[in-house]
Amino acid sequence: SIGPLYEDAYYRLGMAFYGEGDFTNVLSTFQAFVGEFPESILRSEAHAFSGDILASWGDVHLGTALVQYKLGVKTAVTMVQTDYATMAMARLLLKLCMCKRAMHIHIGSEENKK
């Protein structure tokens, strides 16, 4: 039988990997955590931290990071969780808009050289 502290210990394992900079293990631990504890009050935080890691890995992971932030908002049970995931999502969307605008400007300047 799983004891009452197992959920908290599992989440803290992910955070320990985060503190060590072992981000691949953070993602796998948090993915397993949200599957194992679908009703956990820590689920939103696991999604938000996963989003942070994915967003830091570059443009190719931004879409997946956005999904994690959305799940963070959807599963939030406190205002702090909602605020964190929402603001992280807003920063990411702003970054995506700025990248798209920069790409548009770059393409326009290349066309003007012709």
C-alpha atoms as a PDB file:
ATOM      1  CA  SER A   1       0.000   0.000   0.000  1.00  0.00           C
ATOM      2  CA  ILE A   2       1.220   3.491  -0.873  1.00  0.00           C
ATOM      3  CA  GLY A   3       1.599   5.721   2.157  1.00  0.00           C
ATOM      4  CA  PRO A   4       0.157   9.237   2.419  1.00  0.00           C
ATOM      5  CA  LEU A   5       3.543  10.906   1.861  1.00  0.00           C
ATOM      6  CA  TYR A   6       4.269   9.096  -1.396  1.00  0.00           C
ATOM      7  CA  GLU A   7       2.628  11.775  -3.558  1.00  0.00           C
ATOM      8  CA  ASP A   8       4.637  14.557  -1.938  1.00  0.00           C
ATOM      9  CA  ALA A   9       7.872  12.545  -2.132  1.00  0.00           C
ATOM     10  CA  TYR A  10       7.295  11.810  -5.817  1.00  0.00           C
ATOM     11  CA  TYR A  11       6.807  15.515  -6.574  1.00  0.00           C
ATOM     12  CA  ARG A  12       9.869  16.419  -4.514  1.00  0.00           C
ATOM     13  CA  LEU A  13      11.923  13.912  -6.498  1.00  0.00           C
ATOM     14  CA  GLY A  14      11.115  15.924  -9.610  1.00  0.00           C
ATOM     15  CA  MET A  15      12.077  19.124  -7.809  1.00  0.00           C
ATOM     16  CA  ALA A  16      15.344  17.543  -6.644  1.00  0.00           C
ATOM     17  CA  PHE A  17      16.186  16.739 -10.269  1.00  0.00           C
ATOM     18  CA  TYR A  18      15.267  20.356 -11.123  1.00  0.00           C
ATOM     19  CA  GLY A  19      17.647  21.647  -8.451  1.00  0.00           C
ATOM     20  CA  GLU A  20      20.422  19.453  -9.858  1.00  0.00           C
ATOM     21  CA  GLY A  21      19.788  20.697 -13.394  1.00  0.00           C
ATOM     22  CA  ASP A  22      18.819  17.208 -14.571  1.00  0.00           C
ATOM     23  CA  PHE A  23      15.957  18.468 -16.709  1.00  0.00           C
ATOM     24  CA  THR A  24      15.394  15.278 -18.688  1.00  0.00           C
ATOM     25  CA  ASN A  25      14.658  13.434 -15.442  1.00  0.00           C
ATOM     26  CA  VAL A  26      12.484  16.310 -14.236  1.00  0.00           C
ATOM     27  CA  LEU A  27      10.281  15.964 -17.292  1.00  0.00           C
ATOM     28  CA  SER A  28       9.983  12.193 -17.044  1.00  0.00           C
ATOM     29  CA  THR A  29       9.333  12.341 -13.289  1.00  0.00           C
ATOM     30  CA  PHE A  30       6.662  15.025 -13.620  1.00  0.00           C
ATOM     31  CA  GLN A  31       5.041  13.230 -16.562  1.00  0.00           C
ATOM     32  CA  ALA A  32       4.805  10.074 -14.453  1.00  0.00           C
ATOM     33  CA  PHE A  33       3.642  12.140 -11.448  1.00  0.00           C
ATOM     34  CA  VAL A  34       0.655  13.683 -13.235  1.00  0.00           C
ATOM     35  CA  GLY A  35      -0.302  10.236 -14.535  1.00  0.00           C
ATOM     36  CA  GLU A  36       0.007   8.638 -11.113  1.00  0.00           C
ATOM     37  CA  PHE A  37      -1.758  11.466  -9.243  1.00  0.00           C
ATOM     38  CA  PRO A  38      -4.353  13.015 -11.588  1.00  0.00           C
ATOM     39  CA  GLU A  39      -6.126  14.760  -8.709  1.00  0.00           C
ATOM     40  CA  SER A  40      -3.005  16.141  -6.997  1.00  0.00           C
ATOM     41  CA  ILE A  41      -2.955  19.782  -5.957  1.00  0.00           C
ATOM     42  CA  LEU A  42       0.666  19.786  -7.191  1.00  0.00           C
ATOM     43  CA  ARG A  43      -0.255  18.761 -10.739  1.00  0.00           C
ATOM     44  CA  SER A  44      -0.421  22.377 -11.958  1.00  0.00           C
ATOM     45  CA  GLU A  45       3.070  23.054 -10.647  1.00  0.00           C
ATOM     46  CA  ALA A  46       4.443  19.936 -12.344  1.00  0.00           C
ATOM     47  CA  HIS A  47       2.987  21.142 -15.648  1.00  0.00           C
ATOM     48  CA  ALA A  48       4.287  24.693 -15.167  1.00  0.00           C
ATOM     49  CA  PHE A  49       7.828  23.568 -14.310  1.00  0.00           C
ATOM     50  CA  SER A  50       7.761  21.248 -17.321  1.00  0.00           C
ATOM     51  CA  GLY A  51       6.729  24.218 -19.456  1.00  0.00           C
ATOM     52  CA  ASP A  52       9.602  26.274 -18.062  1.00  0.00           C
ATOM     53  CA  ILE A  53      12.109  23.586 -18.978  1.00  0.00           C
ATOM     54  CA  LEU A  54      10.722  23.056 -22.466  1.00  0.00           C
ATOM     55  CA  ALA A  55      10.595  26.808 -23.130  1.00  0.00           C
ATOM     56  CA  SER A  56      14.250  27.106 -22.129  1.00  0.00           C
ATOM     57  CA  TRP A  57      15.242  24.411 -24.656  1.00  0.00           C
ATOM     58  CA  GLY A  58      14.590  26.655 -27.642  1.00  0.00           C
ATOM     59  CA  ASP A  59      12.105  27.384 -30.356  1.00  0.00           C
ATOM     60  CA  VAL A  60      11.498  23.774 -31.375  1.00  0.00           C
ATOM     61  CA  HIS A  61       9.985  23.038 -27.920  1.00  0.00           C
ATOM     62  CA  LEU A  62       7.848  26.175 -27.535  1.00  0.00           C
ATOM     63  CA  GLY A  63       4.635  24.526 -28.723  1.00  0.00           C
ATOM     64  CA  THR A  64       5.021  21.709 -26.209  1.00  0.00           C
ATOM     65  CA  ALA A  65       5.854  24.241 -23.496  1.00  0.00           C
ATOM     66  CA  LEU A  66       2.658  26.129 -24.321  1.00  0.00           C
ATOM     67  CA  VAL A  67       0.638  22.916 -23.911  1.00  0.00           C
ATOM     68  CA  GLN A  68       2.220  22.374 -20.479  1.00  0.00           C
ATOM     69  CA  TYR A  69       1.369  25.922 -19.385  1.00  0.00           C
ATOM     70  CA  LYS A  70      -2.238  25.469 -20.574  1.00  0.00           C
ATOM     71  CA  LEU A  71      -2.452  22.265 -18.538  1.00  0.00           C
ATOM     72  CA  GLY A  72      -0.983  24.193 -15.603  1.00  0.00           C
ATOM     73  CA  VAL A  73      -3.829  26.695 -15.830  1.00  0.00           C
ATOM     74  CA  LYS A  74      -6.447  23.983 -16.336  1.00  0.00           C
ATOM     75  CA  THR A  75      -5.332  21.966 -13.298  1.00  0.00           C
ATOM     76  CA  ALA A  76      -4.611  24.894 -10.966  1.00  0.00           C
ATOM     77  CA  VAL A  77      -6.338  24.814  -7.595  1.00  0.00           C
ATOM     78  CA  THR A  78      -4.897  28.018  -6.149  1.00  0.00           C
ATOM     79  CA  MET A  79      -4.682  31.540  -7.481  1.00  0.00           C
ATOM     80  CA  VAL A  80      -0.885  31.426  -7.261  1.00  0.00           C
ATOM     81  CA  GLN A  81      -0.815  28.382  -9.532  1.00  0.00           C
ATOM     82  CA  THR A  82      -3.220  30.020 -11.974  1.00  0.00           C
ATOM     83  CA  ASP A  83      -1.217  33.248 -12.006  1.00  0.00           C
ATOM     84  CA  TYR A  84       2.140  31.526 -12.523  1.00  0.00           C
ATOM     85  CA  ALA A  85       0.996  29.343 -15.416  1.00  0.00           C
ATOM     86  CA  THR A  86      -0.976  32.191 -17.020  1.00  0.00           C
ATOM     87  CA  MET A  87       1.936  34.649 -16.859  1.00  0.00           C
ATOM     88  CA  ALA A  88       4.383  32.030 -18.157  1.00  0.00           C
ATOM     89  CA  MET A  89       2.012  31.328 -21.039  1.00  0.00           C
ATOM     90  CA  ALA A  90       1.701  35.049 -21.772  1.00  0.00           C
ATOM     91  CA  ARG A  91       5.495  35.469 -21.833  1.00  0.00           C
ATOM     92  CA  LEU A  92       5.792  32.529 -24.193  1.00  0.00           C
ATOM     93  CA  LEU A  93       3.082  33.835 -26.510  1.00  0.00           C
ATOM     94  CA  LEU A  94       4.791  37.225 -26.551  1.00  0.00           C
ATOM     95  CA  LYS A  95       8.065  35.535 -27.449  1.00  0.00           C
ATOM     96  CA  LEU A  96       6.349  33.610 -30.243  1.00  0.00           C
ATOM     97  CA  CYS A  97       4.805  36.818 -31.602  1.00  0.00           C
ATOM     98  CA  MET A  98       8.150  38.611 -31.448  1.00  0.00           C
ATOM     99  CA  CYS A  99       9.851  35.708 -33.257  1.00  0.00           C
ATOM    100  CA  LYS A 100       7.195  35.707 -35.944  1.00  0.00           C
ATOM    101  CA  ARG A 101       7.492  39.484 -36.348  1.00  0.00           C
ATOM    102  CA  ALA A 102      11.289  39.301 -36.497  1.00  0.00           C
ATOM    103  CA  MET A 103      11.051  36.577 -39.131  1.00  0.00           C
ATOM    104  CA  HIS A 104       8.609  38.696 -41.150  1.00  0.00           C
ATOM    105  CA  ILE A 105      10.949  41.706 -40.948  1.00  0.00           C
ATOM    106  CA  HIS A 106      13.939  39.536 -41.932  1.00  0.00           C
ATOM    107  CA  ILE A 107      12.107  38.062 -44.930  1.00  0.00           C
ATOM    108  CA  GLY A 108      10.975  41.546 -45.971  1.00  0.00           C
ATOM    109  CA  SER A 109      14.525  42.889 -45.817  1.00  0.00           C
ATOM    110  CA  GLU A 110      15.792  39.928 -47.889  1.00  0.00           C
ATOM    111  CA  GLU A 111      13.148  40.609 -50.526  1.00  0.00           C
ATOM    112  CA  ASN A 112      14.116  44.285 -50.652  1.00  0.00           C
ATOM    113  CA  LYS A 113      17.709  43.318 -51.509  1.00  0.00           C
ATOM    114  CA  LYS A 114      16.607  41.620 -54.741  1.00  0.00           C
END
